[in-house]
Protein backbone atom coordinates (compact mmCIF):
# COMPACT_ATOMS: atom_id res chain seq x y z
CA GLY A 1 -57.51 -25.18 -9.75
CA TYR A 2 -54.97 -26.60 -12.14
CA ILE A 3 -52.77 -25.37 -14.95
CA VAL A 4 -52.52 -27.49 -18.10
CA LEU A 5 -49.20 -27.24 -19.93
CA GLU A 6 -48.93 -28.57 -23.47
CA ARG A 7 -45.70 -28.89 -25.43
CA GLU A 8 -45.01 -30.34 -28.87
CA GLY A 9 -42.01 -32.63 -29.27
CA GLU A 10 -40.60 -35.32 -31.51
CA ALA A 11 -42.67 -37.96 -29.75
CA GLY A 12 -45.87 -35.91 -30.05
CA SER A 13 -47.64 -33.53 -27.72
CA LEU A 14 -47.00 -33.65 -23.98
CA ARG A 15 -49.82 -32.68 -21.64
CA VAL A 16 -48.92 -31.94 -18.03
CA VAL A 17 -51.39 -30.92 -15.33
CA VAL A 18 -49.94 -29.12 -12.31
CA PRO A 19 -51.63 -27.51 -9.30
CA ARG A 20 -52.26 -23.79 -9.57
CA ALA A 21 -50.66 -21.72 -6.81
CA PRO A 22 -53.34 -21.21 -4.12
CA ALA A 23 -54.11 -18.02 -2.23
CA ARG A 24 -51.44 -16.68 0.07
CA THR A 25 -51.31 -18.09 3.57
CA ASN A 26 -51.38 -15.93 6.65
CA PRO A 27 -47.98 -14.30 7.15
CA PRO A 28 -45.91 -17.03 8.82
CA PRO A 29 -44.06 -16.14 12.00
CA ARG A 30 -40.31 -15.87 11.79
CA MET A 31 -38.61 -19.11 12.68
CA ASP A 32 -37.01 -17.78 15.86
CA PRO A 33 -37.45 -14.01 16.15
CA GLY A 34 -34.55 -12.30 17.81
CA LYS A 35 -33.45 -8.84 18.76
CA LYS A 36 -31.76 -6.62 16.25
CA THR A 37 -28.03 -6.91 16.03
CA SER A 38 -25.26 -4.85 14.54
CA GLU A 39 -22.72 -5.94 11.97
CA SER A 40 -19.92 -5.78 14.53
CA GLU A 41 -21.83 -8.11 16.89
CA PHE A 42 -22.60 -10.60 14.14
CA PHE A 43 -19.30 -10.58 12.26
CA THR A 44 -17.24 -11.28 15.34
CA GLU A 45 -14.24 -12.73 13.53
CA TYR A 46 -14.44 -11.38 10.02
CA GLY A 47 -16.97 -10.48 7.44
CA GLU A 48 -17.69 -8.34 4.45
CA LEU A 49 -19.14 -5.46 6.40
CA ASN A 50 -19.31 -3.16 3.40
CA ARG A 51 -21.46 -5.61 1.43
CA TYR A 52 -24.04 -6.88 3.93
CA GLN A 53 -26.18 -4.84 6.29
CA VAL A 54 -27.42 -7.11 9.07
CA SER A 55 -30.89 -6.22 10.36
CA GLU A 56 -31.86 -8.86 12.91
CA VAL A 57 -31.29 -12.38 14.15
CA ILE A 58 -34.01 -14.72 12.85
CA GLY A 59 -32.74 -18.08 14.07
CA LYS A 60 -30.48 -19.63 16.68
CA GLY A 61 -29.31 -23.17 17.27
CA SER A 62 -26.46 -25.31 18.46
CA TYR A 63 -24.66 -24.65 15.15
CA GLY A 64 -24.73 -20.85 15.47
CA VAL A 65 -26.91 -17.96 14.34
CA VAL A 66 -28.93 -16.96 11.26
CA ALA A 67 -29.44 -13.26 10.56
CA ALA A 68 -31.49 -11.40 7.98
CA ALA A 69 -29.46 -8.91 5.96
CA ILE A 70 -29.43 -6.82 2.80
CA ASP A 71 -26.83 -7.31 0.08
CA THR A 72 -25.83 -3.74 -0.70
CA GLN A 73 -24.45 -4.77 -4.10
CA THR A 74 -27.75 -6.17 -5.35
CA GLY A 75 -30.33 -4.79 -2.92
CA GLU A 76 -31.49 -8.36 -2.28
CA ARG A 77 -32.61 -9.55 1.15
CA VAL A 78 -30.60 -12.57 2.24
CA ALA A 79 -30.07 -14.86 5.21
CA ILE A 80 -26.55 -15.21 6.59
CA LYS A 81 -25.81 -18.39 8.51
CA LYS A 82 -22.94 -17.98 10.95
CA ILE A 83 -21.55 -21.35 12.01
CA ASN A 84 -19.56 -21.07 15.23
CA ASP A 85 -16.40 -23.04 16.05
CA VAL A 86 -16.73 -25.07 12.88
CA PHE A 87 -13.66 -27.24 13.53
CA ASP A 88 -14.32 -28.18 17.17
CA HIS A 89 -16.02 -31.45 16.23
CA VAL A 90 -15.05 -33.53 13.20
CA SER A 91 -18.59 -34.85 12.70
CA ASP A 92 -20.07 -31.34 12.66
CA ALA A 93 -17.39 -30.06 10.29
CA THR A 94 -18.02 -33.00 7.94
CA ARG A 95 -21.77 -32.37 7.96
CA ILE A 96 -21.35 -28.67 7.24
CA LEU A 97 -18.88 -29.31 4.42
CA ARG A 98 -21.20 -31.91 2.90
CA GLU A 99 -24.15 -29.52 2.94
CA ILE A 100 -22.18 -26.68 1.37
CA LYS A 101 -20.77 -28.91 -1.38
CA LEU A 102 -24.18 -30.31 -2.28
CA LEU A 103 -25.99 -26.97 -2.26
CA ARG A 104 -23.30 -25.43 -4.45
CA LEU A 105 -24.04 -28.13 -7.04
CA LEU A 106 -27.83 -28.49 -6.75
CA ARG A 107 -29.73 -25.72 -8.54
CA HIS A 108 -33.51 -25.98 -8.55
CA PRO A 109 -36.47 -23.68 -7.74
CA ASP A 110 -37.53 -26.01 -4.89
CA ILE A 111 -34.11 -26.18 -3.20
CA VAL A 112 -32.69 -23.36 -1.09
CA GLN A 113 -29.82 -21.62 -2.86
CA ILE A 114 -26.43 -20.61 -1.52
CA LYS A 115 -25.69 -17.11 -2.73
CA HIS A 116 -22.21 -16.59 -1.39
CA ILE A 117 -19.61 -18.03 0.97
CA MET A 118 -17.52 -15.44 2.77
CA LEU A 119 -13.80 -16.05 2.66
CA PRO A 120 -11.87 -15.59 5.92
CA PRO A 121 -9.00 -13.11 6.05
CA SER A 122 -6.64 -16.00 6.83
CA ARG A 123 -7.22 -19.55 5.63
CA ARG A 124 -5.10 -20.94 8.46
CA GLU A 125 -6.61 -19.04 11.37
CA PHE A 126 -10.39 -18.85 11.55
CA ARG A 127 -13.08 -20.52 13.65
CA ASP A 128 -16.40 -19.34 12.22
CA ILE A 129 -17.77 -19.45 8.69
CA TYR A 130 -20.51 -17.36 7.08
CA VAL A 131 -22.77 -18.77 4.36
CA VAL A 132 -25.24 -16.50 2.54
CA PHE A 133 -28.57 -18.04 1.50
CA GLU A 134 -31.67 -16.66 -0.16
CA LEU A 135 -34.01 -15.39 2.56
CA MET A 136 -37.22 -17.29 3.30
CA GLU A 137 -39.91 -16.15 5.71
CA SER A 138 -40.46 -19.30 7.76
CA ASP A 139 -40.67 -23.09 7.53
CA LEU A 140 -43.51 -25.48 6.73
CA HIS A 141 -43.89 -26.49 10.37
CA GLN A 142 -44.60 -22.90 11.41
CA VAL A 143 -46.87 -22.29 8.41
CA ILE A 144 -49.06 -25.26 9.30
CA LYS A 145 -49.23 -24.20 12.95
CA ALA A 146 -50.17 -20.61 12.02
CA ASN A 147 -52.87 -21.52 9.47
CA ASP A 148 -55.91 -23.52 10.55
CA ASP A 149 -57.66 -22.97 7.23
CA LEU A 150 -55.24 -24.54 4.75
CA THR A 151 -57.24 -25.90 1.83
CA PRO A 152 -56.74 -29.05 -0.26
CA GLU A 153 -55.27 -26.74 -2.91
CA HIS A 154 -52.57 -25.69 -0.43
CA HIS A 155 -51.77 -29.32 0.38
CA GLN A 156 -51.61 -30.26 -3.31
CA PHE A 157 -49.34 -27.32 -4.15
CA PHE A 158 -47.04 -28.09 -1.21
CA LEU A 159 -46.71 -31.74 -2.17
CA TYR A 160 -46.29 -30.92 -5.86
CA GLN A 161 -43.29 -28.72 -5.05
CA LEU A 162 -41.79 -31.31 -2.71
CA LEU A 163 -42.16 -34.13 -5.22
CA ARG A 164 -40.67 -31.97 -7.95
CA GLY A 165 -37.72 -31.04 -5.74
CA MET A 166 -37.12 -34.62 -4.60
CA LYS A 167 -37.30 -35.87 -8.18
CA TYR A 168 -34.49 -33.47 -9.08
CA ILE A 169 -32.46 -34.47 -6.02
CA HIS A 170 -32.81 -38.19 -6.75
CA ALA A 171 -31.97 -37.64 -10.41
CA ALA A 172 -28.62 -36.35 -9.13
CA SER A 173 -28.23 -39.57 -7.06
CA VAL A 174 -28.54 -37.57 -3.84
CA PHE A 175 -30.73 -38.72 -0.95
CA HIS A 176 -31.76 -36.12 1.62
CA ARG A 177 -32.46 -38.54 4.53
CA ASP A 178 -33.86 -35.86 6.85
CA LEU A 179 -36.95 -34.49 5.13
CA LYS A 180 -39.43 -33.02 7.61
CA PRO A 181 -41.54 -29.84 7.87
CA LYS A 182 -38.84 -27.96 9.79
CA ASN A 183 -36.38 -28.63 6.95
CA ILE A 184 -38.71 -27.16 4.34
CA LEU A 185 -38.57 -23.38 4.13
CA ALA A 186 -41.70 -21.45 3.18
CA ASN A 187 -42.97 -18.04 2.11
CA ALA A 188 -46.46 -16.56 2.42
CA ASP A 189 -46.95 -17.05 -1.33
CA CYS A 190 -46.89 -20.83 -0.66
CA LYS A 191 -43.49 -21.36 -2.29
CA LEU A 192 -41.42 -24.06 -0.58
CA LYS A 193 -37.70 -24.82 -0.65
CA ILE A 194 -35.97 -27.91 0.72
CA CYS A 195 -33.01 -27.17 3.00
CA ASP A 196 -30.61 -28.80 5.49
CA PHE A 197 -28.59 -31.32 3.51
CA GLY A 198 -26.25 -32.12 6.40
CA LEU A 199 -27.34 -35.79 6.54
CA ALA A 200 -27.64 -36.23 2.77
CA ARG A 201 -25.65 -38.86 0.91
CA VAL A 202 -24.64 -39.41 -2.69
CA SER A 203 -25.37 -42.89 -4.04
CA PHE A 204 -23.08 -44.53 -6.58
CA ASN A 205 -25.28 -47.63 -6.78
CA ASP A 206 -27.95 -47.52 -9.47
CA GLY A 207 -29.83 -50.38 -7.87
CA ALA A 208 -30.57 -48.84 -4.47
CA PRO A 209 -34.32 -48.19 -4.34
CA SER A 210 -34.63 -48.23 -0.55
CA ALA A 211 -33.82 -44.52 -0.19
CA ILE A 212 -36.52 -43.65 -2.73
CA PHE A 213 -39.05 -45.76 -0.83
CA TRP A 214 -38.11 -44.01 2.38
CA THR A 215 -38.58 -40.61 0.75
CA VAL A 216 -42.02 -41.61 -0.55
CA ALA A 217 -42.92 -42.72 2.96
CA ILE A 218 -41.80 -39.37 4.35
CA LEU A 219 -43.90 -37.52 1.79
CA VAL A 220 -46.93 -39.57 2.87
CA ILE A 221 -46.25 -38.54 6.46
CA LEU A 222 -46.00 -34.91 5.33
CA SER A 223 -49.35 -35.14 3.57
CA ARG A 224 -50.97 -36.50 6.72
CA TYR A 225 -49.24 -33.79 8.75
CA CYS A 226 -50.82 -31.14 6.51
CA LEU A 227 -54.26 -32.71 6.64
CA SER A 228 -54.34 -33.37 10.38
């Protein structure tokens, strides 16, 4: 189904038709389930132990570890990304800094949000950094693999959110450049959030349509991925 939104303005009435949120999908598997870990094991170098209660590791990669935790100040469930040895490689450090700077500026319902960046005890002597994100259950790749009965309404709602998020990103002259199902976080209520801005770039050239065309092409690939 669809929701029709009507709004009166100076130029007359505006009628917008958007997809209605479909039924919940099957609970998606965690991205990379891991064993439970303690705060002392996770916060190896420093950390705000009194604020965050780490429950379990939910993702691992070459960059480091992601753990699910509870913010004791707000009661909110969050994801803490621990990036190991951040200064060992200049290219990795540049990518991480770029992603943090962009996500601190971009605020949109379809883009993953940084909640907090933990400050090290010493700004001259630290190797790891901890970035706190809103917690999502899985990613679009896992959701599609775990659900054989996704309907056209699911596909429409997914693509609607992605197009809305990319429109906001491009309006800020930012181009993601790495949009794929694994870089789109998902919840069982079908809400999606774009993540991983490490390869993103800011354009200062108003006449550069090629990045937009590439993004449209990627969205077409995503639609075929969902329907296959």
